[in-house]
Amino acid sequence: MANIKSAKKRILVIGKKTATNRRVKSHLKGIFKNFDAALVAGEFETATEKLALAEKRLMQAAAKGTIHKNTASRKVSRLTKRLNNAKVK
């Protein structure tokens, strides 16, 4: 346990930031699951909407520093690729 006042404050701040980041990442996982479910069901209109939502949320998370911007771009690219491949089949 920290003894210095500034170190104690950092522990509190880090705890809050960790909780926020976990909530955002958990929300993203839910969005990905909804996208996958729509894709498996063959509902391409719904999947397209979910993809747009996923892209928006990923870019927001990247802007806030929760995830890296390249990670967000990579995930969007992979989701888009999966949707396009599913439409072709």
Protein backbone atom coordinates (compact mmCIF):
# COMPACT_ATOMS: atom_id res chain seq x y z
CA MET A 1 0.00 0.00 0.00
CA ALA A 2 1.20 3.47 -0.85
CA ASN A 3 2.29 5.85 1.90
CA ILE A 4 2.65 9.07 -0.08
CA LYS A 5 -0.50 11.11 -0.67
CA SER A 6 0.07 11.51 -4.42
CA ALA A 7 0.61 7.75 -4.78
CA LYS A 8 -2.66 7.08 -2.93
CA LYS A 9 -4.44 9.44 -5.31
CA ARG A 10 -2.92 7.71 -8.34
CA ILE A 11 -4.24 4.38 -7.06
CA LEU A 12 -7.75 5.85 -6.89
CA VAL A 13 -7.50 7.46 -10.34
CA ILE A 14 -6.12 4.29 -11.92
CA GLY A 15 -8.99 2.32 -10.39
CA LYS A 16 -11.55 4.65 -11.96
CA LYS A 17 -9.86 4.57 -15.36
CA THR A 18 -9.58 0.78 -15.25
CA ALA A 19 -13.30 0.48 -14.49
CA THR A 20 -14.16 2.80 -17.38
CA ASN A 21 -11.91 0.93 -19.82
CA ARG A 22 -13.37 -2.42 -18.76
CA ARG A 23 -16.90 -1.12 -19.30
CA VAL A 24 -16.04 0.17 -22.79
CA LYS A 25 -14.27 -3.05 -23.81
CA SER A 26 -17.15 -5.15 -22.49
CA HIS A 27 -19.60 -3.03 -24.47
CA LEU A 28 -17.49 -3.55 -27.61
CA LYS A 29 -17.52 -7.32 -27.11
CA GLY A 30 -21.32 -7.22 -26.92
CA ILE A 31 -21.49 -5.26 -30.17
CA PHE A 32 -19.21 -7.82 -31.86
CA LYS A 33 -21.43 -10.66 -30.63
CA ASN A 34 -24.53 -8.95 -32.03
CA PHE A 35 -22.75 -8.49 -35.36
CA ASP A 36 -21.74 -12.16 -35.41
CA ALA A 37 -25.27 -13.28 -34.57
CA ALA A 38 -26.73 -11.18 -37.40
CA LEU A 39 -24.10 -12.52 -39.79
CA VAL A 40 -24.76 -16.16 -38.87
CA ALA A 41 -28.51 -15.64 -39.22
CA GLY A 42 -27.97 -14.21 -42.69
CA GLU A 43 -29.52 -10.84 -41.80
CA PHE A 44 -27.18 -8.66 -43.84
CA GLU A 45 -29.15 -5.44 -43.33
CA THR A 46 -28.93 -5.84 -39.56
CA ALA A 47 -25.28 -6.85 -39.81
CA THR A 48 -24.55 -3.70 -41.81
CA GLU A 49 -26.19 -1.59 -39.09
CA LYS A 50 -24.21 -3.43 -36.41
CA LEU A 51 -21.02 -2.87 -38.40
CA ALA A 52 -21.67 0.88 -38.52
CA LEU A 53 -22.30 0.92 -34.77
CA ALA A 54 -19.16 -1.15 -34.14
CA GLU A 55 -17.06 1.21 -36.25
CA LYS A 56 -18.41 4.24 -34.41
CA ARG A 57 -17.80 2.73 -30.97
CA LEU A 58 -14.32 1.47 -31.90
CA MET A 59 -13.27 4.90 -33.13
CA GLN A 60 -14.68 6.51 -29.99
CA ALA A 61 -12.71 4.07 -27.84
CA ALA A 62 -9.58 4.82 -29.88
CA ALA A 63 -10.11 8.57 -29.49
CA LYS A 64 -10.39 8.20 -25.72
CA GLY A 65 -7.26 6.05 -25.58
CA THR A 66 -9.00 2.88 -24.41
CA ILE A 67 -7.64 1.01 -27.41
CA HIS A 68 -5.02 1.94 -29.97
CA LYS A 69 -6.24 3.58 -33.18
CA ASN A 70 -4.57 0.93 -35.35
CA THR A 71 -6.30 -1.79 -33.34
CA ALA A 72 -9.64 -0.10 -33.95
CA SER A 73 -8.94 0.22 -37.67
CA ARG A 74 -7.83 -3.41 -37.90
CA LYS A 75 -11.00 -4.63 -36.18
CA VAL A 76 -13.22 -2.53 -38.45
CA SER A 77 -11.38 -3.84 -41.48
CA ARG A 78 -11.78 -7.46 -40.40
CA LEU A 79 -15.47 -7.03 -39.61
CA THR A 80 -16.07 -5.38 -42.99
CA LYS A 81 -14.20 -8.15 -44.75
CA ARG A 82 -16.29 -10.80 -42.98
CA LEU A 83 -19.52 -9.05 -43.94
CA ASN A 84 -18.49 -8.71 -47.59
CA ASN A 85 -17.41 -12.35 -47.79
CA ALA A 86 -20.70 -13.48 -46.24
CA LYS A 87 -22.68 -11.44 -48.78
CA VAL A 88 -20.84 -13.06 -51.68
CA LYS A 89 -21.58 -16.63 -50.52
